[in-house]
Protein backbone atom coordinates (compact mmCIF):
# COMPACT_ATOMS: atom_id res chain seq x y z
CA MET A 1 0.00 0.00 0.00
CA SER A 2 1.35 3.42 -0.96
CA ILE A 3 2.20 6.08 1.61
CA ARG A 4 -0.11 9.03 0.98
CA VAL A 5 1.82 12.30 1.20
CA LEU A 6 0.61 15.90 1.29
CA ILE A 7 3.23 18.51 0.35
CA ALA A 8 2.97 21.92 2.06
CA ASP A 9 5.45 24.55 0.88
CA ASP A 10 4.93 28.08 -0.40
CA GLN A 11 7.48 27.63 -3.19
CA GLU A 12 5.91 26.03 -6.25
CA LEU A 13 9.26 24.90 -7.63
CA LEU A 14 10.09 23.02 -4.44
CA ARG A 15 6.66 21.38 -4.37
CA ALA A 16 7.19 20.21 -7.96
CA ALA A 17 10.64 18.84 -7.09
CA PHE A 18 9.30 16.99 -4.05
CA ARG A 19 6.46 15.56 -6.11
CA MET A 20 8.87 14.21 -8.73
CA VAL A 21 11.02 12.52 -6.11
CA LEU A 22 8.07 11.01 -4.25
CA GLU A 23 6.20 9.77 -7.30
CA ALA A 24 9.36 8.11 -8.63
CA ALA A 25 9.77 6.13 -5.41
CA GLY A 26 7.09 3.58 -6.25
CA ASP A 27 5.70 3.30 -2.73
CA MET A 28 4.41 6.86 -2.32
CA LEU A 29 1.44 8.79 -3.66
CA VAL A 30 1.22 12.58 -3.57
CA VAL A 31 -2.40 13.32 -2.63
CA GLY A 32 -2.22 17.11 -2.62
CA GLU A 33 -0.16 20.29 -2.51
CA ALA A 34 -0.62 23.32 -0.28
CA ALA A 35 0.98 26.75 -0.54
CA ASP A 36 0.20 27.78 3.04
CA GLY A 37 -0.70 26.31 6.40
CA ALA A 38 -4.42 26.96 6.19
CA GLU A 39 -4.64 25.07 2.91
CA ALA A 40 -2.54 22.26 4.36
CA ALA A 41 -4.93 21.87 7.29
CA ARG A 42 -7.93 21.79 4.95
CA LEU A 43 -6.33 19.26 2.60
CA ALA A 44 -5.31 17.07 5.52
CA HIS A 45 -9.02 16.43 6.00
CA SER A 46 -9.99 15.88 2.37
CA ALA A 47 -6.86 14.10 1.09
CA ARG A 48 -6.48 11.78 4.10
CA ALA A 49 -2.71 11.82 3.89
CA ASP A 50 -0.53 9.51 5.95
CA VAL A 51 2.28 12.08 6.10
CA VAL A 52 2.29 15.85 5.66
CA LEU A 53 5.61 17.22 4.43
CA MET A 54 5.41 20.64 6.09
CA ASP A 55 7.52 23.74 5.55
CA ILE A 56 7.68 26.01 8.60
CA ARG A 57 7.90 29.41 6.98
CA MET A 58 4.78 30.00 4.91
CA PRO A 59 2.56 33.08 4.53
CA GLY A 60 -0.57 33.47 6.64
CA VAL A 61 -0.90 30.31 8.71
CA ASP A 62 2.66 29.02 9.05
CA GLY A 63 3.79 25.43 9.34
CA ILE A 64 3.81 25.39 13.12
CA ALA A 65 0.23 26.65 13.39
CA ALA A 66 -0.86 24.20 10.68
CA THR A 67 0.85 21.35 12.51
CA ARG A 68 -1.01 22.32 15.67
CA LEU A 69 -4.32 22.30 13.79
CA ILE A 70 -3.67 18.91 12.21
CA CYS A 71 -2.25 17.15 15.27
CA GLY A 72 -4.93 18.59 17.55
CA ASP A 73 -7.75 17.23 15.39
CA GLU A 74 -9.00 13.86 16.65
CA ASP A 75 -10.27 13.04 13.15
CA LEU A 76 -6.66 13.25 11.91
CA ALA A 77 -5.12 11.15 14.66
CA GLY A 78 -3.27 8.95 12.18
CA VAL A 79 -1.71 11.80 10.20
CA LYS A 80 2.01 12.36 10.78
CA VAL A 81 3.72 15.71 10.17
CA LEU A 82 7.33 15.85 8.98
CA ILE A 83 8.78 19.35 9.26
CA LEU A 84 11.11 20.77 6.60
CA THR A 85 13.55 23.29 8.05
CA THR A 86 17.20 24.04 8.76
CA PHE A 87 18.84 22.80 11.95
CA GLU A 88 19.91 26.36 12.78
CA ASN A 89 16.31 27.25 13.68
CA ASP A 90 16.09 25.20 16.87
CA GLU A 91 13.34 27.37 18.33
CA TYR A 92 11.09 26.68 15.34
CA VAL A 93 11.78 22.98 15.47
CA ALA A 94 11.03 22.86 19.21
CA GLU A 95 7.72 24.63 18.66
CA ALA A 96 6.86 22.27 15.80
CA LEU A 97 7.44 19.22 17.99
CA ARG A 98 5.41 20.82 20.74
CA ALA A 99 2.64 21.30 18.17
CA GLY A 100 2.70 17.56 17.44
CA ALA A 101 5.17 17.06 14.59
CA SER A 102 6.79 13.64 14.37
CA GLY A 103 10.18 14.96 13.34
CA PHE A 104 12.17 17.32 11.22
CA LEU A 105 14.37 17.24 8.16
CA GLY A 106 16.81 19.79 6.78
CA LYS A 107 16.11 21.13 3.31
CA GLY A 108 19.62 20.22 2.26
CA MET A 109 18.84 16.49 2.34
CA GLY A 110 19.15 14.26 -0.72
CA PRO A 111 16.28 12.41 -2.40
CA GLU A 112 16.95 9.12 -0.60
CA GLN A 113 17.11 10.86 2.76
CA LEU A 114 13.76 12.45 2.07
CA LEU A 115 12.17 9.14 1.10
CA ASP A 116 13.65 7.31 4.07
CA ALA A 117 12.43 10.05 6.42
CA ILE A 118 8.88 9.82 5.09
CA ARG A 119 8.90 6.03 5.40
CA MET A 120 10.22 6.26 8.97
CA VAL A 121 7.58 8.76 10.06
CA ALA A 122 4.80 6.83 8.30
CA ALA A 123 5.89 3.72 10.21
CA GLY A 124 5.42 5.53 13.50
CA GLU A 125 8.98 6.52 14.29
CA SER A 126 10.12 10.07 14.97
CA LEU A 127 12.92 11.59 12.97
CA LEU A 128 15.20 13.01 15.64
CA SER A 129 18.79 12.67 14.50
CA PRO A 130 21.51 12.35 17.17
CA ALA A 131 23.35 15.30 15.59
CA ALA A 132 20.46 17.66 16.17
CA THR A 133 18.78 16.20 19.24
CA ARG A 134 20.96 17.91 21.86
CA SER A 135 20.38 21.50 20.75
CA LEU A 136 16.74 20.74 20.01
CA ILE A 137 16.06 19.34 23.45
CA THR A 138 17.96 22.19 25.09
CA ALA A 139 15.50 24.60 23.50
CA PHE A 140 12.50 22.36 24.09
CA ILE A 141 12.83 21.65 27.80
CA THR A 142 13.25 25.30 28.76
CA GLN A 143 9.58 25.81 27.88
CA PRO A 144 6.59 24.44 29.84
CA GLY A 145 4.04 22.02 28.48
CA GLY A 146 6.28 19.76 26.43
CA VAL A 147 4.72 16.49 27.55
CA PRO A 148 1.88 15.42 29.87
CA ALA A 149 2.82 16.18 33.48
CA SER A 150 2.02 12.59 34.47
CA ALA A 151 4.79 11.33 32.19
CA THR A 152 7.49 13.04 34.25
CA ASP A 153 5.94 12.71 37.70
CA PRO A 154 8.23 11.09 40.27
CA GLY A 155 7.71 7.37 39.99
CA ALA A 156 6.38 7.47 36.42
CA LEU A 157 9.40 5.57 35.19
CA ASP A 158 8.76 2.90 37.82
CA THR A 159 5.95 1.63 35.61
CA LEU A 160 8.53 0.64 33.00
CA THR A 161 10.45 -2.61 32.92
CA GLU A 162 14.23 -2.43 33.00
CA ARG A 163 14.42 -3.16 29.28
CA GLU A 164 11.82 -0.49 28.53
CA ARG A 165 13.82 2.07 30.53
CA ASP A 166 16.97 1.15 28.64
CA ILE A 167 15.19 1.53 25.32
CA VAL A 168 13.60 4.86 26.28
CA THR A 169 17.09 6.10 27.17
CA LEU A 170 18.41 5.13 23.75
CA VAL A 171 15.38 6.63 22.04
CA GLY A 172 16.23 9.83 23.89
CA THR A 173 19.67 9.92 22.31
CA GLY A 174 18.08 9.83 18.84
CA LEU A 175 18.74 6.19 17.94
CA SER A 176 16.35 4.47 15.53
CA ASN A 177 14.65 1.15 16.27
CA GLN A 178 17.12 -0.57 13.95
CA ALA A 179 20.12 0.86 15.80
CA ILE A 180 18.63 -0.05 19.19
CA ALA A 181 17.86 -3.57 17.94
CA GLU A 182 21.51 -4.00 17.01
CA ARG A 183 22.54 -2.92 20.52
CA PHE A 184 20.40 -5.60 22.15
CA ALA A 185 20.67 -8.25 19.42
CA VAL A 186 16.90 -8.35 18.96
CA SER A 187 14.58 -7.55 16.06
CA PRO A 188 13.40 -4.00 15.26
CA PHE A 189 9.86 -5.29 15.79
CA THR A 190 10.73 -6.25 19.37
CA VAL A 191 12.16 -2.78 19.97
CA LYS A 192 9.04 -1.17 18.48
CA THR A 193 6.88 -3.26 20.83
CA HIS A 194 8.88 -2.03 23.84
CA VAL A 195 8.67 1.57 22.61
CA ASN A 196 4.91 1.34 22.14
CA ARG A 197 4.43 -0.17 25.60
CA ALA A 198 6.57 2.56 27.16
CA MET A 199 4.55 5.27 25.39
CA ALA A 200 1.30 3.70 26.55
CA LYS A 201 2.47 3.44 30.17
CA LEU A 202 3.74 7.03 30.22
CA GLY A 203 0.73 8.40 28.38
CA VAL A 204 2.73 10.16 25.67
CA ARG A 205 1.43 10.73 22.16
CA ASP A 206 4.40 9.65 20.09
CA ARG A 207 8.10 8.96 19.95
CA ALA A 208 8.98 12.64 19.90
CA GLN A 209 7.32 13.13 23.28
CA LEU A 210 9.10 10.01 24.53
CA VAL A 211 12.41 11.71 23.72
CA ILE A 212 11.37 14.69 25.82
CA VAL A 213 10.42 12.40 28.72
CA ALA A 214 13.87 10.81 28.54
CA TYR A 215 15.44 14.23 29.06
CA GLU A 216 12.99 15.71 31.55
CA SER A 217 13.09 12.59 33.73
CA GLY A 218 16.89 12.52 33.77
CA LEU A 219 17.40 9.31 31.79
CA VAL A 220 19.37 11.40 29.32
CA HIS A 221 21.20 14.58 30.22
CA VAL A 222 21.73 17.65 28.05
CA ARG A 223 25.40 18.40 27.75
CA PRO A 224 26.30 22.06 27.35
CA LYS A 225 27.33 23.09 23.86
CA ALA A 226 31.00 23.61 23.22
CA GLN A 227 31.98 27.26 23.18
C-alpha cells in the first residue's frame, strides 16, 4: 500500500521537485499540494494523507500553526507531520514538535534521505537525529508544556520494565529502532513493541514526546554546547 503524502510549501518549484522525487519512489502517492498552512490543514481532511511534508515558513498560517491544527484534530489522529527546516532554527523545530510534529528534516537532504524520512515517520517513528537532538532538546525543555505532566511525575518511570527504561534512554539519544535492535541483538519489531508499551504506560502521544520524557526525567542529560 502506498504512503499518501501531502506537500505543504509556499514555493511552487520546491513542491514540484518533491512531487517528482516522491512519485518516482514507487511506494508513495502525492495526494495534494498546499501553498500555506491553512490550505494544508484543509487538505489534511480531504486528502487523508498519511504524512504531511510541512515547511515552517509560509505566509498566513505558518507550518507550526498548521501542525497544531492537524495534530490537535482527533479526526486526523493517524496523520504524521514531517517538518522541513534548517537545523539552525532550533526554536522553530522545538515549537513544531510541541505542536505535534513527528520529526524534522533539513532542506539540504538528498532524495533518498527524504524518502527514508517519510517512510520512517509513516511507520510511527520520529525523525530526531543524534546530531540535532541535543540542541533541540535544550530549547524544548526550557519551555513548559512539552509532555503530559504525568509522564514526568516522580515514579512514572517505575511503571517501566528495565528493558523499557533502557530503550527509552536510547530513544532519547536519537537512535532508531534498527540501531537499538543491534545494541540488544533483537529484532526491530521487538524494539518497536517495547517503545509502544513505554509510550502507553507514560501516556505520551508519540516517539517525539518520549524523547522529551527521557530528558525531563533525567534518563538522558543535556550536555552544554561547546563554546
